[in-house]
Every structure is written in structure tokens, then in C-alpha cells.
Amino acid sequence: MPYVAKILLSVVMILAISEVTQRAGSWGSVLASLPILSVISMVWIYSETKDVAKIAVFSTQVFWLVLPSLGLFLTLPWFLARCSFYWSLALSCLVTVALYLLMLGVFRLVRYNPL
């Protein structure tokens, strides 16, 4: 798929989530929580490579990396009650990076390398 089409589809998804959130609140969260980007990425990878093993590896990697990314969503509301939006977002991102590093450390410790 041409890069321009990929970029346009990504922009449309972000705009759709933003607009739905502004107009219908919770429905924007539902839309954002769907693994649409991962599914579209799998379709693009498959259409360009026809390699199902690559899709299986990608799916496993996404699964393991979703877990530490949940730290952002858990800590952001807590920080928002105590800090400005940008500080809260930055601190939540730092927590997420720390959780990614922790996850990588656990992988090394148990000698598992999904990445």
C-alpha cells in the first residue's frame, strides 16, 4: 500500500477518534481502545509480504508491549488530579517508559525474547 494512503488512513483514524470523543464522550474511548491500528498494520504487512509467520511475531510483540503501555492510562488520571495536563501526560509517559524497561528486564531474567 502506498505511503500516502497509509498516512491518510492513520490521520482519518485519529481525527475520527477525536471528533467522536468531543461529540459522544465514551464512544471515543471505545473507538480508541479497539486494536484498529494493529489490525490495519497486520493487513498491510500481510499484503506486502504474505508472511503469516511475520504476522504471528508482530501479534505476540504487540501483546507484550500493550501490557506496560497500560501504565499511562492508569497513572494519567491520578496525575491529572495533582498536576497540569502537560506535566501529567509527561509523568505518565515516564511511568510507561519505566514499565517498558521493567518488562524488558523481566524478559531477560526469564530468558524470554518475544522482541
PDB file of N, CA and C in Angstrom:
ATOM      1  N   MET A   1       0.858  -1.177   0.000  1.00  0.00           N
ATOM      2  CA  MET A   1       0.000   0.000   0.000  1.00  0.00           C
ATOM      3  C   MET A   1       0.899   1.234   0.000  1.00  0.00           C
ATOM      4  N   PRO A   2       0.619   2.194  -0.847  1.00  0.00           N
ATOM      5  CA  PRO A   2       1.460   3.401  -0.909  1.00  0.00           C
ATOM      6  C   PRO A   2       1.475   4.148   0.431  1.00  0.00           C
ATOM      7  N   TYR A   3       2.612   4.783   0.706  1.00  0.00           N
ATOM      8  CA  TYR A   3       2.773   5.503   1.978  1.00  0.00           C
ATOM      9  C   TYR A   3       1.717   6.578   2.171  1.00  0.00           C
ATOM     10  N   VAL A   4       1.339   7.272   1.118  1.00  0.00           N
ATOM     11  CA  VAL A   4       0.350   8.346   1.241  1.00  0.00           C
ATOM     12  C   VAL A   4      -0.979   7.780   1.742  1.00  0.00           C
ATOM     13  N   ALA A   5      -1.368   6.627   1.223  1.00  0.00           N
ATOM     14  CA  ALA A   5      -2.621   6.007   1.667  1.00  0.00           C
ATOM     15  C   ALA A   5      -2.539   5.606   3.134  1.00  0.00           C
ATOM     16  N   LYS A   6      -1.396   5.081   3.546  1.00  0.00           N
ATOM     17  CA  LYS A   6      -1.210   4.703   4.949  1.00  0.00           C
ATOM     18  C   LYS A   6      -1.304   5.929   5.853  1.00  0.00           C
ATOM     19  N   ILE A   7      -0.659   6.999   5.440  1.00  0.00           N
ATOM     20  CA  ILE A   7      -0.682   8.234   6.236  1.00  0.00           C
ATOM     21  C   ILE A   7      -2.101   8.788   6.314  1.00  0.00           C
ATOM     22  N   LEU A   8      -2.794   8.832   5.195  1.00  0.00           N
ATOM     23  CA  LEU A   8      -4.155   9.359   5.177  1.00  0.00           C
ATOM     24  C   LEU A   8      -5.091   8.523   6.046  1.00  0.00           C
ATOM     25  N   LEU A   9      -4.966   7.217   5.984  1.00  0.00           N
ATOM     26  CA  LEU A   9      -5.808   6.350   6.808  1.00  0.00           C
ATOM     27  C   LEU A   9      -5.530   6.582   8.294  1.00  0.00           C
ATOM     28  N   SER A  10      -4.262   6.734   8.651  1.00  0.00           N
ATOM     29  CA  SER A  10      -3.904   6.996  10.047  1.00  0.00           C
ATOM     30  C   SER A  10      -4.471   8.331  10.519  1.00  0.00           C
ATOM     31  N   VAL A  11      -4.367   9.353   9.688  1.00  0.00           N
ATOM     32  CA  VAL A  11      -4.899  10.671  10.034  1.00  0.00           C
ATOM     33  C   VAL A  11      -6.413  10.607  10.203  1.00  0.00           C
ATOM     34  N   VAL A  12      -7.087   9.914   9.309  1.00  0.00           N
ATOM     35  CA  VAL A  12      -8.544   9.781   9.396  1.00  0.00           C
ATOM     36  C   VAL A  12      -8.934   9.099  10.704  1.00  0.00           C
ATOM     37  N   MET A  13      -8.182   8.058  11.096  1.00  0.00           N
ATOM     38  CA  MET A  13      -8.491   7.361  12.347  1.00  0.00           C
ATOM     39  C   MET A  13      -8.340   8.296  13.543  1.00  0.00           C
ATOM     40  N   ILE A  14      -7.260   9.055  13.595  1.00  0.00           N
ATOM     41  CA  ILE A  14      -7.028   9.975  14.711  1.00  0.00           C
ATOM     42  C   ILE A  14      -8.113  11.043  14.746  1.00  0.00           C
ATOM     43  N   LEU A  15      -8.441  11.609  13.614  1.00  0.00           N
ATOM     44  CA  LEU A  15      -9.496  12.630  13.559  1.00  0.00           C
ATOM     45  C   LEU A  15     -10.844  12.053  13.966  1.00  0.00           C
ATOM     46  N   ALA A  16     -11.137  10.843  13.523  1.00  0.00           N
ATOM     47  CA  ALA A  16     -12.421  10.216  13.872  1.00  0.00           C
ATOM     48  C   ALA A  16     -12.520  10.016  15.380  1.00  0.00           C
ATOM     49  N   ILE A  17     -11.464   9.514  15.995  1.00  0.00           N
ATOM     50  CA  ILE A  17     -11.481   9.300  17.440  1.00  0.00           C
ATOM     51  C   ILE A  17     -11.653  10.622  18.171  1.00  0.00           C
ATOM     52  N   SER A  18     -10.936  11.641  17.730  1.00  0.00           N
ATOM     53  CA  SER A  18     -11.030  12.957  18.355  1.00  0.00           C
ATOM     54  C   SER A  18     -12.442  13.532  18.233  1.00  0.00           C
ATOM     55  N   GLU A  19     -13.023  13.458  17.053  1.00  0.00           N
ATOM     56  CA  GLU A  19     -14.359  14.003  16.834  1.00  0.00           C
ATOM     57  C   GLU A  19     -15.427  13.227  17.611  1.00  0.00           C
ATOM     58  N   VAL A  20     -15.322  11.918  17.590  1.00  0.00           N
ATOM     59  CA  VAL A  20     -16.312  11.112  18.313  1.00  0.00           C
ATOM     60  C   VAL A  20     -16.222  11.395  19.814  1.00  0.00           C
ATOM     61  N   THR A  21     -15.005  11.528  20.333  1.00  0.00           N
ATOM     62  CA  THR A  21     -14.823  11.825  21.759  1.00  0.00           C
ATOM     63  C   THR A  21     -15.455  13.164  22.119  1.00  0.00           C
ATOM     64  N   GLN A  22     -15.275  14.178  21.282  1.00  0.00           N
ATOM     65  CA  GLN A  22     -15.849  15.500  21.558  1.00  0.00           C
ATOM     66  C   GLN A  22     -17.372  15.473  21.538  1.00  0.00           C
ATOM     67  N   ARG A  23     -17.941  14.667  20.662  1.00  0.00           N
ATOM     68  CA  ARG A  23     -19.387  14.664  20.498  1.00  0.00           C
ATOM     69  C   ARG A  23     -20.102  13.609  21.350  1.00  0.00           C
ATOM     70  N   ALA A  24     -19.452  12.461  21.541  1.00  0.00           N
ATOM     71  CA  ALA A  24     -20.151  11.356  22.197  1.00  0.00           C
ATOM     72  C   ALA A  24     -19.368  10.749  23.355  1.00  0.00           C
ATOM     73  N   GLY A  25     -18.397  11.472  23.872  1.00  0.00           N
ATOM     74  CA  GLY A  25     -17.669  11.057  25.067  1.00  0.00           C
ATOM     75  C   GLY A  25     -17.129   9.656  25.060  1.00  0.00           C
ATOM     76  N   SER A  26     -17.821   8.772  25.743  1.00  0.00           N
ATOM     77  CA  SER A  26     -17.349   7.405  25.949  1.00  0.00           C
ATOM     78  C   SER A  26     -17.143   6.635  24.654  1.00  0.00           C
ATOM     79  N   TRP A  27     -17.906   6.942  23.635  1.00  0.00           N
ATOM     80  CA  TRP A  27     -17.751   6.219  22.375  1.00  0.00           C
ATOM     81  C   TRP A  27     -16.381   6.461  21.757  1.00  0.00           C
ATOM     82  N   GLY A  28     -15.804   7.628  21.991  1.00  0.00           N
ATOM     83  CA  GLY A  28     -14.444   7.886  21.519  1.00  0.00           C
ATOM     84  C   GLY A  28     -13.450   6.976  22.210  1.00  0.00           C
ATOM     85  N   SER A  29     -13.666   6.739  23.496  1.00  0.00           N
ATOM     86  CA  SER A  29     -12.803   5.820  24.250  1.00  0.00           C
ATOM     87  C   SER A  29     -12.936   4.398  23.724  1.00  0.00           C
ATOM     88  N   VAL A  30     -14.162   4.004  23.411  1.00  0.00           N
ATOM     89  CA  VAL A  30     -14.381   2.668  22.863  1.00  0.00           C
ATOM     90  C   VAL A  30     -13.647   2.532  21.530  1.00  0.00           C
ATOM     91  N   LEU A  31     -13.786   3.529  20.683  1.00  0.00           N
ATOM     92  CA  LEU A  31     -13.130   3.503  19.379  1.00  0.00           C
ATOM     93  C   LEU A  31     -11.608   3.472  19.529  1.00  0.00           C
ATOM     94  N   ALA A  32     -11.082   4.274  20.451  1.00  0.00           N
ATOM     95  CA  ALA A  32      -9.631   4.326  20.662  1.00  0.00           C
ATOM     96  C   ALA A  32      -9.095   3.027  21.255  1.00  0.00           C
ATOM     97  N   SER A  33      -9.924   2.323  22.017  1.00  0.00           N
ATOM     98  CA  SER A  33      -9.451   1.093  22.661  1.00  0.00           C
ATOM     99  C   SER A  33      -9.416  -0.102  21.714  1.00  0.00           C
ATOM    100  N   LEU A  34     -10.107  -0.010  20.604  1.00  0.00           N
ATOM    101  CA  LEU A  34     -10.084  -1.115  19.646  1.00  0.00           C
ATOM    102  C   LEU A  34      -8.695  -1.217  19.019  1.00  0.00           C
ATOM    103  N   PRO A  35      -8.237  -2.415  18.756  1.00  0.00           N
ATOM    104  CA  PRO A  35      -6.895  -2.570  18.171  1.00  0.00           C
ATOM    105  C   PRO A  35      -6.893  -2.332  16.658  1.00  0.00           C
ATOM    106  N   ILE A  36      -7.567  -1.252  16.242  1.00  0.00           N
ATOM    107  CA  ILE A  36      -7.707  -0.959  14.817  1.00  0.00           C
ATOM    108  C   ILE A  36      -6.343  -0.781  14.157  1.00  0.00           C
ATOM    109  N   LEU A  37      -5.467  -0.019  14.797  1.00  0.00           N
ATOM    110  CA  LEU A  37      -4.155   0.236  14.208  1.00  0.00           C
ATOM    111  C   LEU A  37      -3.361  -1.055  14.050  1.00  0.00           C
ATOM    112  N   SER A  38      -3.432  -1.930  15.037  1.00  0.00           N
ATOM    113  CA  SER A  38      -2.722  -3.215  14.942  1.00  0.00           C
ATOM    114  C   SER A  38      -3.298  -4.067  13.812  1.00  0.00           C
ATOM    115  N   VAL A  39      -4.618  -4.109  13.715  1.00  0.00           N
ATOM    116  CA  VAL A  39      -5.254  -4.909  12.660  1.00  0.00           C
ATOM    117  C   VAL A  39      -4.886  -4.362  11.282  1.00  0.00           C
ATOM    118  N   ILE A  40      -4.952  -3.052  11.122  1.00  0.00           N
ATOM    119  CA  ILE A  40      -4.584  -2.450   9.832  1.00  0.00           C
ATOM    120  C   ILE A  40      -3.121  -2.729   9.519  1.00  0.00           C
ATOM    121  N   SER A  41      -2.257  -2.634  10.534  1.00  0.00           N
ATOM    122  CA  SER A  41      -0.840  -2.929  10.324  1.00  0.00           C
ATOM    123  C   SER A  41      -0.646  -4.367   9.876  1.00  0.00           C
ATOM    124  N   MET A  42      -1.386  -5.296  10.492  1.00  0.00           N
ATOM    125  CA  MET A  42      -1.279  -6.705  10.090  1.00  0.00           C
ATOM    126  C   MET A  42      -1.720  -6.895   8.642  1.00  0.00           C
ATOM    127  N   VAL A  43      -2.780  -6.216   8.262  1.00  0.00           N
ATOM    128  CA  VAL A  43      -3.257  -6.314   6.870  1.00  0.00           C
ATOM    129  C   VAL A  43      -2.192  -5.775   5.927  1.00  0.00           C
ATOM    130  N   TRP A  44      -1.594  -4.623   6.257  1.00  0.00           N
ATOM    131  CA  TRP A  44      -0.553  -4.057   5.398  1.00  0.00           C
ATOM    132  C   TRP A  44       0.658  -4.977   5.319  1.00  0.00           C
ATOM    133  N   ILE A  45       1.101  -5.505   6.466  1.00  0.00           N
ATOM    134  CA  ILE A  45       2.260  -6.410   6.477  1.00  0.00           C
ATOM    135  C   ILE A  45       1.968  -7.641   5.630  1.00  0.00           C
ATOM    136  N   TYR A  46       0.777  -8.227   5.822  1.00  0.00           N
ATOM    137  CA  TYR A  46       0.431  -9.416   5.049  1.00  0.00           C
ATOM    138  C   TYR A  46       0.329  -9.108   3.556  1.00  0.00           C
ATOM    139  N   SER A  47      -0.325  -7.998   3.216  1.00  0.00           N
ATOM    140  CA  SER A  47      -0.494  -7.681   1.792  1.00  0.00           C
ATOM    141  C   SER A  47       0.840  -7.404   1.112  1.00  0.00           C
ATOM    142  N   GLU A  48       1.820  -6.922   1.874  1.00  0.00           N
ATOM    143  CA  GLU A  48       3.131  -6.616   1.291  1.00  0.00           C
ATOM    144  C   GLU A  48       4.085  -7.806   1.323  1.00  0.00           C
ATOM    145  N   THR A  49       3.896  -8.750   2.280  1.00  0.00           N
ATOM    146  CA  THR A  49       4.863  -9.842   2.424  1.00  0.00           C
ATOM    147  C   THR A  49       4.257 -11.232   2.253  1.00  0.00           C
ATOM    148  N   LYS A  50       2.963 -11.388   2.498  1.00  0.00           N
ATOM    149  CA  LYS A  50       2.282 -12.699   2.511  1.00  0.00           C
ATOM    150  C   LYS A  50       2.930 -13.644   3.529  1.00  0.00           C
ATOM    151  N   ASP A  51       3.563 -13.090   4.546  1.00  0.00           N
ATOM    152  CA  ASP A  51       4.310 -13.872   5.534  1.00  0.00           C
ATOM    153  C   ASP A  51       3.521 -13.967   6.838  1.00  0.00           C
ATOM    154  N   VAL A  52       2.810 -15.098   7.034  1.00  0.00           N
ATOM    155  CA  VAL A  52       1.994 -15.249   8.240  1.00  0.00           C
ATOM    156  C   VAL A  52       2.855 -15.406   9.485  1.00  0.00           C
ATOM    157  N   ALA A  53       4.072 -15.919   9.342  1.00  0.00           N
ATOM    158  CA  ALA A  53       4.974 -16.031  10.495  1.00  0.00           C
ATOM    159  C   ALA A  53       5.328 -14.632  11.007  1.00  0.00           C
ATOM    160  N   LYS A  54       5.516 -13.704  10.097  1.00  0.00           N
ATOM    161  CA  LYS A  54       5.808 -12.322  10.491  1.00  0.00           C
ATOM    162  C   LYS A  54       4.620 -11.715  11.233  1.00  0.00           C
ATOM    163  N   ILE A  55       3.421 -12.036  10.803  1.00  0.00           N
ATOM    164  CA  ILE A  55       2.203 -11.558  11.467  1.00  0.00           C
ATOM    165  C   ILE A  55       2.112 -12.153  12.872  1.00  0.00           C
ATOM    166  N   ALA A  56       2.425 -13.429  13.011  1.00  0.00           N
ATOM    167  CA  ALA A  56       2.377 -14.077  14.321  1.00  0.00           C
ATOM    168  C   ALA A  56       3.368 -13.431  15.287  1.00  0.00           C
ATOM    169  N   VAL A  57       4.576 -13.151  14.815  1.00  0.00           N
ATOM    170  CA  VAL A  57       5.584 -12.488  15.655  1.00  0.00           C
ATOM    171  C   VAL A  57       5.106 -11.087  16.031  1.00  0.00           C
ATOM    172  N   PHE A  58       4.594 -10.351  15.064  1.00  0.00           N
ATOM    173  CA  PHE A  58       4.098  -8.999  15.313  1.00  0.00           C
ATOM    174  C   PHE A  58       2.988  -9.018  16.358  1.00  0.00           C
ATOM    175  N   SER A  59       2.059  -9.953  16.228  1.00  0.00           N
ATOM    176  CA  SER A  59       0.942 -10.060  17.168  1.00  0.00           C
ATOM    177  C   SER A  59       1.437 -10.340  18.590  1.00  0.00           C
ATOM    178  N   THR A  60       2.389 -11.246  18.728  1.00  0.00           N
ATOM    179  CA  THR A  60       2.955 -11.556  20.042  1.00  0.00           C
ATOM    180  C   THR A  60       3.667 -10.341  20.633  1.00  0.00           C
ATOM    181  N   GLN A  61       4.418  -9.646  19.806  1.00  0.00           N
ATOM    182  CA  GLN A  61       5.128  -8.458  20.288  1.00  0.00           C
ATOM    183  C   GLN A  61       4.157  -7.374  20.735  1.00  0.00           C
ATOM    184  N   VAL A  62       3.113  -7.151  19.971  1.00  0.00           N
ATOM    185  CA  VAL A  62       2.118  -6.143  20.343  1.00  0.00           C
ATOM    186  C   VAL A  62       1.470  -6.522  21.672  1.00  0.00           C
ATOM    187  N   PHE A  63       1.129  -7.804  21.834  1.00  0.00           N
ATOM    188  CA  PHE A  63       0.522  -8.239  23.090  1.00  0.00           C
ATOM    189  C   PHE A  63       1.398  -7.864  24.277  1.00  0.00           C
ATOM    190  N   TRP A  64       2.659  -8.247  24.238  1.00  0.00           N
ATOM    191  CA  TRP A  64       3.546  -7.994  25.374  1.00  0.00           C
ATOM    192  C   TRP A  64       3.798  -6.509  25.597  1.00  0.00           C
ATOM    193  N   LEU A  65       3.782  -5.716  24.533  1.00  0.00           N
ATOM    194  CA  LEU A  65       4.038  -4.284  24.688  1.00  0.00           C
ATOM    195  C   LEU A  65       2.792  -3.492  25.063  1.00  0.00           C
ATOM    196  N   VAL A  66       1.622  -4.075  24.885  1.00  0.00           N
ATOM    197  CA  VAL A  66       0.397  -3.413  25.356  1.00  0.00           C
ATOM    198  C   VAL A  66       0.380  -3.387  26.886  1.00  0.00           C
ATOM    199  N   LEU A  67       0.868  -4.439  27.500  1.00  0.00           N
ATOM    200  CA  LEU A  67       0.812  -4.527  28.968  1.00  0.00           C
ATOM    201  C   LEU A  67       1.480  -3.332  29.663  1.00  0.00           C
ATOM    202  N   PRO A  68       2.741  -3.008  29.371  1.00  0.00           N
ATOM    203  CA  PRO A  68       3.323  -1.845  30.052  1.00  0.00           C
ATOM    204  C   PRO A  68       2.693  -0.522  29.612  1.00  0.00           C
ATOM    205  N   SER A  69       2.140  -0.469  28.411  1.00  0.00           N
ATOM    206  CA  SER A  69       1.527   0.787  27.957  1.00  0.00           C
ATOM    207  C   SER A  69       0.272   1.127  28.759  1.00  0.00           C
ATOM    208  N   LEU A  70      -0.317   0.148  29.412  1.00  0.00           N
ATOM    209  CA  LEU A  70      -1.495   0.400  30.241  1.00  0.00           C
ATOM    210  C   LEU A  70      -1.162   1.305  31.427  1.00  0.00           C
ATOM    211  N   GLY A  71       0.113   1.366  31.786  1.00  0.00           N
ATOM    212  CA  GLY A  71       0.538   2.255  32.865  1.00  0.00           C
ATOM    213  C   GLY A  71       0.181   3.710  32.604  1.00  0.00           C
ATOM    214  N   LEU A  72       0.216   4.127  31.356  1.00  0.00           N
ATOM    215  CA  LEU A  72      -0.152   5.504  31.021  1.00  0.00           C
ATOM    216  C   LEU A  72      -1.601   5.773  31.406  1.00  0.00           C
ATOM    217  N   PHE A  73      -2.476   4.850  31.062  1.00  0.00           N
ATOM    218  CA  PHE A  73      -3.908   5.057  31.311  1.00  0.00           C
ATOM    219  C   PHE A  73      -4.263   4.940  32.793  1.00  0.00           C
ATOM    220  N   LEU A  74      -3.466   4.171  33.523  1.00  0.00           N
ATOM    221  CA  LEU A  74      -3.718   4.034  34.958  1.00  0.00           C
ATOM    222  C   LEU A  74      -3.195   5.226  35.754  1.00  0.00           C
ATOM    223  N   THR A  75      -2.063   5.783  35.334  1.00  0.00           N
ATOM    224  CA  THR A  75      -1.461   6.876  36.110  1.00  0.00           C
ATOM    225  C   THR A  75      -1.935   8.262  35.682  1.00  0.00           C
ATOM    226  N   LEU A  76      -2.357   8.428  34.448  1.00  0.00           N
ATOM    227  CA  LEU A  76      -2.757   9.761  33.976  1.00  0.00           C
ATOM    228  C   LEU A  76      -3.868  10.381  34.823  1.00  0.00           C
ATOM    229  N   PRO A  77      -4.955   9.678  35.133  1.00  0.00           N
ATOM    230  CA  PRO A  77      -5.991  10.311  35.975  1.00  0.00           C
ATOM    231  C   PRO A  77      -5.456  10.720  37.352  1.00  0.00           C
ATOM    232  N   TRP A  78      -4.582   9.911  37.922  1.00  0.00           N
ATOM    233  CA  TRP A  78      -4.004  10.231  39.228  1.00  0.00           C
ATOM    234  C   TRP A  78      -3.166  11.502  39.145  1.00  0.00           C
ATOM    235  N   PHE A  79      -2.323  11.600  38.115  1.00  0.00           N
ATOM    236  CA  PHE A  79      -1.501  12.805  37.951  1.00  0.00           C
ATOM    237  C   PHE A  79      -2.359  14.029  37.619  1.00  0.00           C
ATOM    238  N   LEU A  80      -3.415  13.848  36.835  1.00  0.00           N
ATOM    239  CA  LEU A  80      -4.279  14.979  36.469  1.00  0.00           C
ATOM    240  C   LEU A  80      -4.936  15.610  37.692  1.00  0.00           C
ATOM    241  N   ALA A  81      -5.187  14.818  38.711  1.00  0.00           N
ATOM    242  CA  ALA A  81      -5.775  15.355  39.941  1.00  0.00           C
ATOM    243  C   ALA A  81      -4.765  16.166  40.743  1.00  0.00           C
ATOM    244  N   ARG A  82      -3.486  16.086  40.359  1.00  0.00           N
ATOM    245  CA  ARG A  82      -2.430  16.735  41.133  1.00  0.00           C
ATOM    246  C   ARG A  82      -1.569  17.725  40.348  1.00  0.00           C
ATOM    247  N   CYS A  83      -1.579  17.633  39.004  1.00  0.00           N
ATOM    248  CA  CYS A  83      -0.684  18.444  38.167  1.00  0.00           C
ATOM    249  C   CYS A  83      -1.455  18.983  36.961  1.00  0.00           C
ATOM    250  N   SER A  84      -0.788  19.862  36.225  1.00  0.00           N
ATOM    251  CA  SER A  84      -1.362  20.350  34.969  1.00  0.00           C
ATOM    252  C   SER A  84      -1.395  19.212  33.948  1.00  0.00           C
ATOM    253  N   PHE A  85      -2.129  19.438  32.875  1.00  0.00           N
ATOM    254  CA  PHE A  85      -2.275  18.410  31.854  1.00  0.00           C
ATOM    255  C   PHE A  85      -0.929  17.965  31.291  1.00  0.00           C
ATOM    256  N   TYR A  86      -0.096  18.920  30.876  1.00  0.00           N
ATOM    257  CA  TYR A  86       1.159  18.553  30.217  1.00  0.00           C
ATOM    258  C   TYR A  86       2.126  17.852  31.168  1.00  0.00           C
ATOM    259  N   TRP A  87       2.188  18.306  32.430  1.00  0.00           N
ATOM    260  CA  TRP A  87       3.019  17.607  33.414  1.00  0.00           C
ATOM    261  C   TRP A  87       2.473  16.209  33.664  1.00  0.00           C
ATOM    262  N   SER A  88       1.167  16.081  33.759  1.00  0.00           N
ATOM    263  CA  SER A  88       0.548  14.777  33.986  1.00  0.00           C
ATOM    264  C   SER A  88       0.841  13.823  32.836  1.00  0.00           C
ATOM    265  N   LEU A  89       0.720  14.328  31.619  1.00  0.00           N
ATOM    266  CA  LEU A  89       0.989  13.496  30.448  1.00  0.00           C
ATOM    267  C   LEU A  89       2.460  13.080  30.407  1.00  0.00           C
ATOM    268  N   ALA A  90       3.350  14.025  30.673  1.00  0.00           N
ATOM    269  CA  ALA A  90       4.783  13.720  30.671  1.00  0.00           C
ATOM    270  C   ALA A  90       5.128  12.688  31.750  1.00  0.00           C
ATOM    271  N   LEU A  91       4.600  12.871  32.950  1.00  0.00           N
ATOM    272  CA  LEU A  91       4.890  11.930  34.031  1.00  0.00           C
ATOM    273  C   LEU A  91       4.315  10.544  33.734  1.00  0.00           C
ATOM    274  N   SER A  92       3.132  10.506  33.159  1.00  0.00           N
ATOM    275  CA  SER A  92       2.529   9.224  32.792  1.00  0.00           C
ATOM    276  C   SER A  92       3.350   8.529  31.699  1.00  0.00           C
ATOM    277  N   CYS A  93       3.874   9.304  30.778  1.00  0.00           N
ATOM    278  CA  CYS A  93       4.745   8.734  29.738  1.00  0.00           C
ATOM    279  C   CYS A  93       6.026   8.183  30.360  1.00  0.00           C
ATOM    280  N   LEU A  94       6.575   8.895  31.341  1.00  0.00           N
ATOM    281  CA  LEU A  94       7.768   8.397  32.031  1.00  0.00           C
ATOM    282  C   LEU A  94       7.479   7.096  32.773  1.00  0.00           C
ATOM    283  N   VAL A  95       6.331   7.014  33.408  1.00  0.00           N
ATOM    284  CA  VAL A  95       5.937   5.769  34.079  1.00  0.00           C
ATOM    285  C   VAL A  95       5.859   4.640  33.047  1.00  0.00           C
ATOM    286  N   THR A  96       5.295   4.933  31.895  1.00  0.00           N
ATOM    287  CA  THR A  96       5.161   3.927  30.845  1.00  0.00           C
ATOM    288  C   THR A  96       6.527   3.463  30.353  1.00  0.00           C
ATOM    289  N   VAL A  97       7.447   4.395  30.160  1.00  0.00           N
ATOM    290  CA  VAL A  97       8.812   4.023  29.743  1.00  0.00           C
ATOM    291  C   VAL A  97       9.453   3.140  30.811  1.00  0.00           C
ATOM    292  N   ALA A  98       9.276   3.502  32.078  1.00  0.00           N
ATOM    293  CA  ALA A  98       9.821   2.690  33.174  1.00  0.00           C
ATOM    294  C   ALA A  98       9.226   1.283  33.149  1.00  0.00           C
ATOM    295  N   LEU A  99       7.932   1.185  32.864  1.00  0.00           N
ATOM    296  CA  LEU A  99       7.290  -0.138  32.796  1.00  0.00           C
ATOM    297  C   LEU A  99       7.794  -0.947  31.597  1.00  0.00           C
ATOM    298  N   TYR A 100       8.057  -0.265  30.472  1.00  0.00           N
ATOM    299  CA  TYR A 100       8.665  -0.960  29.324  1.00  0.00           C
ATOM    300  C   TYR A 100      10.029  -1.514  29.708  1.00  0.00           C
ATOM    301  N   LEU A 101      10.845  -0.694  30.361  1.00  0.00           N
ATOM    302  CA  LEU A 101      12.175  -1.152  30.782  1.00  0.00           C
ATOM    303  C   LEU A 101      12.073  -2.308  31.772  1.00  0.00           C
ATOM    304  N   LEU A 102      11.121  -2.216  32.691  1.00  0.00           N
ATOM    305  CA  LEU A 102      10.898  -3.304  33.642  1.00  0.00           C
ATOM    306  C   LEU A 102      10.501  -4.586  32.908  1.00  0.00           C
ATOM    307  N   MET A 103       9.611  -4.463  31.926  1.00  0.00           N
ATOM    308  CA  MET A 103       9.185  -5.626  31.147  1.00  0.00           C
ATOM    309  C   MET A 103      10.374  -6.242  30.421  1.00  0.00           C
ATOM    310  N   LEU A 104      11.222  -5.418  29.834  1.00  0.00           N
ATOM    311  CA  LEU A 104      12.407  -5.940  29.145  1.00  0.00           C
ATOM    312  C   LEU A 104      13.343  -6.633  30.128  1.00  0.00           C
ATOM    313  N   GLY A 105      13.469  -6.074  31.343  1.00  0.00           N
ATOM    314  CA  GLY A 105      14.280  -6.707  32.379  1.00  0.00           C
ATOM    315  C   GLY A 105      13.724  -8.063  32.779  1.00  0.00           C
ATOM    316  N   VAL A 106      12.415  -8.152  32.895  1.00  0.00           N
ATOM    317  CA  VAL A 106      11.778  -9.437  33.223  1.00  0.00           C
ATOM    318  C   VAL A 106      12.029 -10.440  32.100  1.00  0.00           C
ATOM    319  N   PHE A 107      11.912  -9.991  30.855  1.00  0.00           N
ATOM    320  CA  PHE A 107      12.187 -10.879  29.722  1.00  0.00           C
ATOM    321  C   PHE A 107      13.607 -11.438  29.806  1.00  0.00           C
ATOM    322  N   ARG A 108      14.572 -10.564  30.099  1.00  0.00           N
ATOM    323  CA  ARG A 108      15.966 -11.016  30.224  1.00  0.00           C
ATOM    324  C   ARG A 108      16.117 -12.005  31.366  1.00  0.00           C
ATOM    325  N   LEU A 109      15.470 -11.697  32.489  1.00  0.00           N
ATOM    326  CA  LEU A 109      15.578 -12.534  33.682  1.00  0.00           C
ATOM    327  C   LEU A 109      15.060 -13.949  33.436  1.00  0.00           C
ATOM    328  N   VAL A 110      13.950 -14.052  32.738  1.00  0.00           N
ATOM    329  CA  VAL A 110      13.369 -15.373  32.478  1.00  0.00           C
ATOM    330  C   VAL A 110      13.817 -15.942  31.128  1.00  0.00           C
ATOM    331  N   ARG A 111      14.743 -15.250  30.491  1.00  0.00           N
ATOM    332  CA  ARG A 111      15.314 -15.699  29.207  1.00  0.00           C
ATOM    333  C   ARG A 111      14.248 -15.919  28.147  1.00  0.00           C
ATOM    334  N   TYR A 112      13.367 -14.933  28.051  1.00  0.00           N
ATOM    335  CA  TYR A 112      12.305 -14.966  27.043  1.00  0.00           C
ATOM    336  C   TYR A 112      12.489 -13.742  26.162  1.00  0.00           C
ATOM    337  N   ASN A 113      12.475 -13.914  24.867  1.00  0.00           N
ATOM    338  CA  ASN A 113      12.694 -12.791  23.979  1.00  0.00           C
ATOM    339  C   ASN A 113      11.618 -12.743  22.891  1.00  0.00           C
ATOM    340  N   PRO A 114      10.479 -12.139  23.206  1.00  0.00           N
ATOM    341  CA  PRO A 114       9.445 -12.019  22.180  1.00  0.00           C
ATOM    342  C   PRO A 114       9.739 -10.873  21.211  1.00  0.00           C
ATOM    343  N   LEU A 115      10.712 -10.052  21.543  1.00  0.00           N
ATOM    344  CA  LEU A 115      11.010  -8.901  20.698  1.00  0.00           C
ATOM    345  C   LEU A 115      12.172  -9.243  19.843  1.00  0.00           C
TER     346      LEU A 115
END
